[in-house]
Protein backbone atom coordinates (compact mmCIF):
# COMPACT_ATOMS: atom_id res chain seq x y z
CA MET A 1 28.22 15.82 -44.29
CA GLU A 2 24.77 15.08 -42.90
CA LYS A 3 23.45 18.27 -44.50
CA PHE A 4 23.97 16.53 -47.86
CA GLY A 5 21.90 13.57 -46.65
CA THR A 6 22.39 10.33 -44.80
CA THR A 7 22.87 8.25 -47.94
CA LEU A 8 25.75 9.64 -50.01
CA ILE A 9 25.92 7.34 -53.00
CA SER A 10 26.36 8.68 -56.49
CA ARG A 11 29.12 10.38 -58.40
CA GLN A 12 26.71 13.05 -59.62
CA ALA A 13 25.42 13.73 -56.11
CA GLY A 14 29.00 14.04 -54.81
CA LYS A 15 29.82 16.49 -57.58
CA GLU A 16 26.70 18.53 -56.78
CA ALA A 17 27.51 18.53 -53.06
CA LEU A 18 31.00 19.87 -53.74
CA ALA A 19 29.57 22.57 -56.01
CA ALA A 20 27.08 23.56 -53.31
CA PHE A 21 29.82 23.65 -50.66
CA THR A 22 32.37 25.59 -52.75
CA PRO A 23 31.06 29.07 -51.78
CA VAL A 24 31.60 28.22 -48.09
CA LEU A 25 35.15 27.11 -48.87
CA GLY A 26 35.91 30.56 -50.24
CA GLU A 27 35.73 31.85 -46.67
CA VAL A 28 38.39 29.43 -45.35
CA ARG A 29 41.61 31.06 -44.16
CA GLU A 30 45.02 29.79 -45.31
CA ASP A 31 45.83 28.37 -41.87
CA GLU A 32 42.40 26.84 -41.22
CA LYS A 33 41.63 23.11 -41.30
CA ILE A 34 38.72 21.72 -43.28
CA GLU A 35 36.89 19.29 -40.99
CA VAL A 36 34.62 16.74 -42.65
CA ASP A 37 32.23 15.31 -40.05
CA PHE A 38 30.58 11.99 -40.92
CA ARG A 39 28.24 11.98 -37.92
CA GLY A 40 24.74 11.05 -39.11
CA VAL A 41 25.88 9.53 -42.42
CA ASN A 42 24.51 6.00 -42.93
CA THR A 43 25.87 5.12 -46.37
CA PHE A 44 28.97 6.53 -48.04
CA SER A 45 30.00 5.22 -51.46
CA PRO A 46 33.40 5.42 -53.16
CA SER A 47 31.94 7.31 -56.13
CA TRP A 48 30.43 10.04 -53.92
CA ALA A 49 33.64 10.21 -51.90
CA ASP A 50 35.75 10.44 -55.04
CA GLU A 51 33.89 13.49 -56.29
CA PHE A 52 33.57 15.30 -52.97
CA LEU A 53 36.75 14.40 -51.09
CA ARG A 54 39.00 14.59 -54.16
CA GLY A 55 37.81 18.15 -54.72
CA LEU A 56 38.61 19.06 -51.14
CA ILE A 57 41.95 17.25 -51.05
CA ASP A 58 43.06 18.62 -54.43
CA ARG A 59 42.45 22.15 -53.16
CA TYR A 60 43.35 21.89 -49.45
CA GLY A 61 45.59 18.81 -49.17
CA LYS A 62 46.51 17.77 -45.64
CA ARG A 63 44.32 20.50 -44.20
CA VAL A 64 41.33 18.19 -44.81
CA ILE A 65 40.58 16.32 -41.56
CA LEU A 66 37.95 13.56 -41.34
CA LEU A 67 35.87 13.27 -38.15
CA HIS A 68 33.54 10.58 -36.78
CA THR A 69 34.49 7.85 -39.22
CA GLU A 70 33.51 4.87 -37.06
CA ASN A 71 30.52 4.08 -39.33
CA PRO A 72 31.24 0.80 -41.19
CA SER A 73 30.18 2.28 -44.55
CA VAL A 74 32.47 5.28 -44.11
CA ASP A 75 35.34 3.08 -42.86
CA ALA A 76 34.97 0.68 -45.79
CA THR A 77 34.93 3.48 -48.37
CA LEU A 78 37.93 5.28 -46.89
CA SER A 79 39.88 2.01 -46.56
CA PHE A 80 39.08 1.11 -50.17
CA LEU A 81 40.16 4.51 -51.47
CA GLU A 82 43.41 4.35 -49.49
CA SER A 83 44.08 0.79 -50.75
CA ILE A 84 43.92 1.90 -54.38
CA GLY A 85 46.30 4.78 -53.73
CA TYR A 86 43.65 7.47 -53.81
CA ALA A 87 44.92 9.33 -50.76
CA LYS A 88 46.08 8.90 -47.20
CA PHE A 89 43.36 10.50 -45.11
CA THR A 90 43.92 12.39 -41.88
CA ILE A 91 41.37 11.06 -39.39
CA GLU A 92 40.73 12.50 -35.92
């Protein structure tokens, strides 16, 4: 995630990040997990997460694994999204 910046905060930026990452996703095998690493991210907003993570989860479902989520901003966003029924995230 850090390659998209340390402050991930707008719906438009999340949409653009997913579009930029989509070519890489084309190389993912059917049995391969998609690991989203939050190391280095300082701020993570629900709108950015909605655009980026929803795209991943809609396409790959439970294969999407979240890593290094101990950042308070990341934790708060993921907790909020889970509380509104967005998704149940797999965190390692």
